[in-house]
Amino acid sequence: MSGCGTKQEFDPSLHREKKPSWIKVRLPSDPTFWSTKSLVTDLKLVTVCEEAQCPNRWECWSHGTATFMIAGEKCTRACGFCAVKTARPDPLEADEPQRVAEATRRMKLRHVVITAVARDDLRDGGAEHFQKTIRALRELNPETIIEVLVPDFNDRDWALALVMEARPHIFNHNLETVARLTPLVRSRAQYQRSLTVLQKAKTMVHGKVATKSGLMLGLGERLEEVSQAMDDLLAHDVTVLTLGQYLRPSPKHLPVIEYIDPSVFEELKQLALAKGFRHVASGPLVRSSYHAANFRPELDVLEAIAADLKLKALA
C-alpha cells in the first residue's frame, strides 16, 4: 500500500498484471449454484454478482444467496473501477419489486441485499423503486433482514427519504476509495457527499438503522489515507466496514497498482475494530455483500432505542 496513485501509474497499457496466489476463485460444483442461477433467470432478475463480476458469486450462490440489482443493468455513470456497463438505461419495470420478493421467498434468504445502478436519468435517482422493493420484500418475507446498497441520489434529501421511509435494516453506500483518489476512481461521485449521505440516512430514522460502507484497496492509496477514511466514516456514524482488493474488470478500467497481502487486510481489520467499528469484513476477495448475514443490525437499532429511552428519562 505504498503506491502514490499518479497519472502515470494509471496508464491503461499496464493491464497484464500477474495475480498473486491468494487471488483464486473456486469454480462452482454445488448444484445449489445452478438452481439459483436458473431461478434468477426464470424471474428475469439481474444480480450484481454477475454484472459486477464478483469473485465470490460461486460461493454465495452455492449457499443460495444473492445480491439483486434493480433498475436495470445499464448505469448512467462511468466509474473507472466498475464492470457494469454505461449506457442509456431502459425504463423501470413495474413488477420488478414483486419478482425480487418472490425470488427471496423461493431462496429462503434470511438476509437479502438490494443494490442498483446509478440512475441519474430519473428525477429521484431510482429512490422510489428502492422503496417499493423494500416494501414488497417485507410483505412477502417479514423475517428477512433487508440491506440496501444505494447510489448517492445526487444528495437529494427528499429522494434519500423515500428509501429510509421504507425502513431497511442496513443502509450501505460505498466510499470506494480514499479522498485523494476519488476524482479519478468515481464518476461524478464526491467523497464528502458520500459521507454526508451515510450520516443523513441514519439521522432520518433517528439512528434506527445500521450504516455500512466499503473501500477497495490496491488503487494506489496510502496506509494513512485508509486510516483517515476510517476516521471519516466513524465521524459520520458508520458502524460496518468492508475492505477488499480491487480487481481490474478489463483493459479499459483502472489498473491494479498493488495486490495487498492478506496479512495487511487482517491488520487493517484489527485497526478498524480498535477505532470503533462494530463489524469489519476485510480480505482480498471481500466485497460489499460478502457474508453480509454475519452482521447483526439489530445491535445498532437496540443501541439507538436505548439512547432514545435515556433521553426521554432525562427530559
Protein backbone atom coordinates (compact mmCIF):
# COMPACT_ATOMS: atom_id res chain seq x y z
CA MET A 1 0.00 0.00 0.00
CA SER A 2 2.85 2.27 -0.87
CA GLY A 3 1.76 3.50 -4.32
CA CYS A 4 1.06 7.18 -4.80
CA GLY A 5 -1.62 6.85 -7.50
CA THR A 6 -0.07 9.22 -10.03
CA LYS A 7 -1.46 9.69 -13.51
CA GLN A 8 1.42 7.74 -15.00
CA GLU A 9 0.69 4.74 -12.75
CA PHE A 10 -2.85 4.55 -14.13
CA ASP A 11 -1.64 4.06 -17.72
CA PRO A 12 -4.20 1.65 -19.31
CA SER A 13 -1.39 -0.24 -21.04
CA LEU A 14 -0.45 -1.75 -17.67
CA HIS A 15 -3.28 -4.30 -17.77
CA ARG A 16 -1.42 -7.60 -17.76
CA GLU A 17 -0.52 -7.61 -14.10
CA LYS A 18 0.20 -11.03 -12.58
CA LYS A 19 -2.24 -12.00 -9.86
CA PRO A 20 -0.76 -13.42 -6.63
CA SER A 21 -1.55 -16.89 -5.38
CA TRP A 22 -4.17 -15.69 -2.88
CA ILE A 23 -6.37 -14.25 -5.65
CA LYS A 24 -8.04 -17.52 -6.58
CA VAL A 25 -11.71 -18.24 -7.14
CA ARG A 26 -13.19 -21.70 -6.78
CA LEU A 27 -15.34 -22.74 -9.73
CA PRO A 28 -18.91 -23.87 -8.96
CA SER A 29 -19.60 -27.52 -8.21
CA ASP A 30 -22.55 -27.35 -5.79
CA PRO A 31 -25.87 -27.99 -7.60
CA THR A 32 -27.44 -25.23 -5.48
CA PHE A 33 -25.42 -22.74 -7.51
CA TRP A 34 -27.04 -23.83 -10.76
CA SER A 35 -30.54 -23.95 -9.27
CA THR A 36 -30.08 -20.38 -8.02
CA LYS A 37 -28.87 -19.27 -11.43
CA SER A 38 -31.91 -20.90 -13.02
CA LEU A 39 -34.29 -19.22 -10.57
CA VAL A 40 -32.79 -15.77 -11.21
CA THR A 41 -33.07 -16.35 -14.96
CA ASP A 42 -36.67 -17.56 -14.73
CA LEU A 43 -37.76 -14.47 -12.81
CA LYS A 44 -35.82 -12.22 -15.24
CA LEU A 45 -33.76 -10.65 -12.48
CA VAL A 46 -30.33 -9.03 -12.56
CA THR A 47 -27.71 -9.76 -9.90
CA VAL A 48 -24.69 -7.66 -9.12
CA CYS A 49 -22.94 -11.00 -8.62
CA GLU A 50 -22.77 -11.37 -12.40
CA GLU A 51 -22.94 -7.78 -13.65
CA ALA A 52 -20.06 -6.62 -11.44
CA GLN A 53 -18.10 -9.88 -11.92
CA CYS A 54 -17.99 -10.53 -8.17
CA PRO A 55 -15.26 -13.08 -7.36
CA ASN A 56 -17.46 -14.67 -4.68
CA ARG A 57 -20.53 -15.38 -6.78
CA TRP A 58 -19.74 -19.10 -6.91
CA GLU A 59 -19.52 -19.33 -3.12
CA CYS A 60 -22.56 -17.15 -2.40
CA TRP A 61 -24.81 -18.74 -4.99
CA SER A 62 -23.80 -22.20 -3.84
CA HIS A 63 -25.16 -21.20 -0.44
CA GLY A 64 -28.40 -19.99 -2.01
CA THR A 65 -27.74 -16.26 -1.55
CA ALA A 66 -27.54 -13.38 -4.00
CA THR A 67 -27.41 -9.60 -4.23
CA PHE A 68 -30.14 -8.34 -6.54
CA MET A 69 -29.52 -5.33 -8.76
CA ILE A 70 -32.73 -3.45 -9.51
CA ALA A 71 -33.48 -0.67 -12.00
CA GLY A 72 -31.70 -2.40 -14.90
CA GLU A 73 -28.12 -3.26 -15.76
CA LYS A 74 -27.16 -0.02 -17.55
CA CYS A 75 -25.56 2.72 -15.46
CA THR A 76 -25.52 6.46 -16.17
CA ARG A 77 -22.05 6.83 -14.67
CA ALA A 78 -18.69 5.53 -15.87
CA CYS A 79 -16.59 4.83 -12.78
CA GLY A 80 -13.07 3.70 -13.55
CA PHE A 81 -13.31 0.53 -11.47
CA CYS A 82 -16.78 -0.82 -12.27
CA ALA A 83 -17.67 -3.66 -14.64
CA VAL A 84 -21.32 -2.60 -15.02
CA LYS A 85 -21.96 -1.18 -18.50
CA THR A 86 -22.51 2.54 -19.04
CA ALA A 87 -25.39 3.31 -21.40
CA ARG A 88 -28.79 4.95 -21.61
CA PRO A 89 -30.92 2.93 -19.15
CA ASP A 90 -34.17 1.21 -20.00
CA PRO A 91 -37.47 2.19 -18.33
CA LEU A 92 -38.09 0.78 -14.86
CA GLU A 93 -40.04 -2.48 -14.70
CA ALA A 94 -43.12 -2.01 -12.52
CA ASP A 95 -43.26 -5.64 -11.39
CA GLU A 96 -39.56 -5.95 -10.52
CA PRO A 97 -40.09 -5.38 -6.75
CA GLN A 98 -42.52 -8.31 -6.63
CA ARG A 99 -40.15 -10.53 -8.63
CA VAL A 100 -37.29 -9.77 -6.22
CA ALA A 101 -39.55 -10.55 -3.27
CA GLU A 102 -40.62 -13.84 -4.86
CA ALA A 103 -37.02 -14.86 -5.55
CA THR A 104 -36.14 -14.10 -1.93
CA ARG A 105 -39.04 -16.28 -0.77
CA ARG A 106 -38.08 -19.20 -3.02
CA MET A 107 -34.43 -19.00 -1.97
CA LYS A 108 -35.44 -18.77 1.70
CA LEU A 109 -32.99 -15.93 2.29
CA ARG A 110 -32.59 -14.66 5.81
CA HIS A 111 -30.57 -11.67 4.56
CA VAL A 112 -31.08 -10.03 1.17
CA VAL A 113 -29.03 -7.21 -0.37
CA ILE A 114 -30.67 -4.86 -2.88
CA THR A 115 -28.49 -2.58 -4.97
CA ALA A 116 -28.88 -0.61 -8.18
CA VAL A 117 -27.03 1.17 -10.91
CA ALA A 118 -26.87 4.96 -10.75
CA ARG A 119 -30.00 6.29 -12.47
CA ASP A 120 -29.19 9.96 -12.96
CA ASP A 121 -31.74 9.94 -15.79
CA LEU A 122 -34.53 9.71 -13.20
CA ARG A 123 -35.53 12.68 -11.08
CA ASP A 124 -35.35 10.61 -7.87
CA GLY A 125 -32.36 8.53 -8.98
CA GLY A 126 -34.44 5.38 -8.57
CA ALA A 127 -35.24 6.00 -4.89
CA GLU A 128 -38.95 5.23 -5.18
CA HIS A 129 -38.09 1.94 -6.91
CA PHE A 130 -35.93 1.06 -3.90
CA GLN A 131 -38.82 1.94 -1.62
CA LYS A 132 -41.25 -0.29 -3.50
CA THR A 133 -38.77 -3.18 -3.49
CA ILE A 134 -38.14 -2.93 0.26
CA ARG A 135 -41.89 -2.91 0.95
CA ALA A 136 -42.54 -5.86 -1.36
CA LEU A 137 -39.74 -7.80 0.32
CA ARG A 138 -41.06 -7.09 3.80
CA GLU A 139 -44.62 -8.06 2.89
CA LEU A 140 -43.62 -11.45 1.46
CA ASN A 141 -40.57 -12.12 3.69
CA PRO A 142 -41.24 -10.50 7.09
CA GLU A 143 -38.37 -12.30 8.83
CA THR A 144 -35.70 -11.42 6.26
CA ILE A 145 -33.05 -8.80 7.03
CA ILE A 146 -33.12 -6.19 4.25
CA GLU A 147 -29.93 -4.41 3.27
CA VAL A 148 -29.76 -1.73 0.58
CA LEU A 149 -26.61 -0.66 -1.24
CA VAL A 150 -27.54 2.64 -2.86
CA PRO A 151 -26.05 5.34 -5.10
CA ASP A 152 -25.82 8.88 -3.73
CA PHE A 153 -29.06 10.14 -5.39
CA ASN A 154 -27.04 13.31 -6.13
CA ASP A 155 -27.51 14.19 -2.45
CA ARG A 156 -31.22 14.92 -2.84
CA ASP A 157 -32.60 14.64 0.68
CA TRP A 158 -36.17 14.01 -0.45
CA ALA A 159 -35.03 11.09 -2.62
CA LEU A 160 -32.99 9.57 0.21
CA ALA A 161 -36.01 9.98 2.47
CA LEU A 162 -38.08 7.79 0.12
CA VAL A 163 -35.68 4.91 0.76
CA MET A 164 -35.50 5.47 4.50
CA GLU A 165 -39.30 5.70 4.85
CA ALA A 166 -39.38 2.01 3.88
CA ARG A 167 -37.03 1.27 6.80
CA PRO A 168 -34.30 -1.06 5.54
CA HIS A 169 -32.39 -2.77 8.33
CA ILE A 170 -28.97 -1.89 6.87
CA PHE A 171 -28.13 1.16 4.75
CA ASN A 172 -24.97 0.72 2.67
CA HIS A 173 -23.28 3.32 0.49
CA ASN A 174 -19.68 2.69 -0.51
CA LEU A 175 -16.96 5.28 -0.17
CA GLU A 176 -15.00 3.06 -2.60
CA THR A 177 -11.60 4.78 -2.18
CA VAL A 178 -9.72 7.43 -0.24
CA ALA A 179 -10.34 11.15 -0.66
CA ARG A 180 -7.33 11.84 -2.90
CA LEU A 181 -8.24 9.16 -5.44
CA THR A 182 -11.99 9.79 -5.55
CA PRO A 183 -11.97 12.15 -8.57
CA LEU A 184 -10.01 9.57 -10.58
CA VAL A 185 -11.88 6.45 -9.45
CA ARG A 186 -15.53 7.56 -9.12
CA SER A 187 -17.54 9.22 -11.89
CA ARG A 188 -19.49 12.26 -10.57
CA ALA A 189 -19.36 10.99 -7.00
CA GLN A 190 -17.78 13.07 -4.25
CA TYR A 191 -16.00 11.86 -1.13
CA GLN A 192 -17.69 14.30 1.26
CA ARG A 193 -21.08 13.80 -0.39
CA SER A 194 -20.91 10.06 0.25
CA LEU A 195 -20.09 10.65 3.91
CA THR A 196 -22.99 13.09 4.18
CA VAL A 197 -25.44 10.65 2.57
CA LEU A 198 -24.48 7.96 5.09
CA GLN A 199 -25.00 10.27 8.04
CA LYS A 200 -28.27 11.71 6.72
CA ALA A 201 -29.71 8.21 6.23
CA LYS A 202 -29.13 7.42 9.88
CA THR A 203 -30.44 10.76 11.09
CA MET A 204 -33.66 10.37 9.10
CA VAL A 205 -34.64 7.30 11.12
CA HIS A 206 -33.26 8.56 14.44
CA GLY A 207 -30.37 6.12 14.39
CA LYS A 208 -32.57 3.05 13.97
CA VAL A 209 -30.58 1.61 11.07
CA ALA A 210 -27.11 0.12 10.70
CA THR A 211 -24.95 2.09 8.28
CA LYS A 212 -22.25 0.43 6.25
CA SER A 213 -19.57 1.40 3.74
CA GLY A 214 -16.66 -0.15 1.89
CA LEU A 215 -13.25 0.60 0.39
CA MET A 216 -11.34 -1.05 -2.45
CA LEU A 217 -7.60 -1.31 -1.90
CA GLY A 218 -4.78 -1.57 -4.41
CA LEU A 219 -5.50 1.61 -6.38
CA GLY A 220 -2.50 3.48 -5.03
CA GLU A 221 -3.85 4.59 -1.64
CA ARG A 222 -1.54 5.09 1.31
CA LEU A 223 -2.00 3.49 4.72
CA GLU A 224 -2.52 6.83 6.43
CA GLU A 225 -5.23 7.68 3.87
CA VAL A 226 -7.08 4.44 4.61
CA SER A 227 -6.86 5.21 8.32
CA GLN A 228 -8.24 8.69 7.68
CA ALA A 229 -11.13 7.25 5.66
CA MET A 230 -11.96 5.00 8.63
CA ASP A 231 -11.97 8.04 10.92
CA ASP A 232 -14.17 9.97 8.49
CA LEU A 233 -16.70 7.12 8.32
CA LEU A 234 -16.85 6.79 12.09
CA ALA A 235 -17.33 10.55 12.39
CA HIS A 236 -20.40 10.14 10.19
CA ASP A 237 -21.87 7.33 12.34
CA VAL A 238 -20.95 4.37 10.10
CA THR A 239 -20.69 1.14 12.09
CA VAL A 240 -19.92 -1.55 9.47
CA LEU A 241 -16.90 -1.58 7.17
CA THR A 242 -15.78 -3.80 4.28
CA LEU A 243 -12.25 -3.78 2.83
CA GLY A 244 -11.39 -5.69 -0.33
CA GLN A 245 -8.86 -5.92 -3.14
CA TYR A 246 -9.62 -4.03 -6.34
CA LEU A 247 -9.57 -6.39 -9.32
CA ARG A 248 -9.44 -4.90 -12.82
CA PRO A 249 -12.50 -5.94 -14.88
CA SER A 250 -10.96 -5.20 -18.30
CA PRO A 251 -8.14 -3.31 -20.06
CA LYS A 252 -10.44 -0.28 -20.24
CA HIS A 253 -10.58 0.01 -16.46
CA LEU A 254 -8.07 1.37 -13.97
CA PRO A 255 -5.12 -0.98 -13.44
CA VAL A 256 -4.21 -2.58 -10.14
CA ILE A 257 -1.34 -0.64 -8.59
CA GLU A 258 -0.72 -3.14 -5.81
CA TYR A 259 -2.02 -6.50 -4.60
CA ILE A 260 -2.43 -6.19 -0.86
CA ASP A 261 -1.15 -9.13 1.19
CA PRO A 262 -3.80 -10.95 3.27
CA SER A 263 -1.82 -10.15 6.42
CA VAL A 264 -2.26 -6.44 5.72
CA PHE A 265 -6.02 -6.92 5.38
CA GLU A 266 -6.02 -8.58 8.79
CA GLU A 267 -4.01 -5.71 10.28
CA LEU A 268 -6.47 -3.22 8.81
CA LYS A 269 -9.37 -5.18 10.25
CA GLN A 270 -7.87 -5.01 13.72
CA LEU A 271 -7.17 -1.31 13.26
CA ALA A 272 -10.78 -0.66 12.23
CA LEU A 273 -12.17 -2.64 15.18
CA ALA A 274 -9.86 -0.79 17.55
CA LYS A 275 -11.10 2.52 16.15
CA GLY A 276 -14.68 1.56 16.94
CA PHE A 277 -16.38 -0.18 14.03
CA ARG A 278 -18.91 -2.76 15.19
CA HIS A 279 -18.28 -5.23 12.37
CA VAL A 280 -15.46 -5.43 9.81
CA ALA A 281 -15.00 -7.77 6.85
CA SER A 282 -11.51 -7.46 5.41
CA GLY A 283 -9.74 -9.64 2.85
CA PRO A 284 -8.61 -9.82 -0.79
CA LEU A 285 -11.93 -11.20 -2.06
CA VAL A 286 -14.24 -9.33 0.31
CA ARG A 287 -16.98 -7.32 -1.40
CA SER A 288 -19.82 -5.17 -0.05
CA SER A 289 -22.25 -8.03 0.46
CA TYR A 290 -19.75 -10.78 1.27
CA HIS A 291 -21.04 -12.79 4.25
CA ALA A 292 -23.44 -9.91 4.88
CA ALA A 293 -25.64 -12.10 7.08
CA ASN A 294 -22.83 -12.42 9.64
CA PHE A 295 -23.56 -8.91 10.86
CA ARG A 296 -26.40 -8.34 13.33
CA PRO A 297 -28.00 -4.98 12.50
CA GLU A 298 -30.35 -5.22 15.45
CA LEU A 299 -27.40 -4.28 17.67
CA ASP A 300 -27.38 -0.79 16.15
CA VAL A 301 -31.15 -0.50 16.38
CA LEU A 302 -31.21 -1.58 20.02
CA GLU A 303 -28.46 0.91 20.80
CA ALA A 304 -30.47 3.71 19.17
CA ILE A 305 -33.62 2.73 21.09
CA ALA A 306 -31.68 2.68 24.36
CA ALA A 307 -30.35 6.16 23.61
CA ASP A 308 -33.88 7.40 22.92
CA LEU A 309 -35.15 5.98 26.19
CA LYS A 310 -32.27 7.57 28.08
CA LEU A 311 -33.04 10.98 26.58
CA LYS A 312 -36.73 10.65 27.44
CA ALA A 313 -35.86 9.70 31.01
CA LEU A 314 -33.70 12.79 31.36
CA ALA A 315 -36.35 15.07 29.86
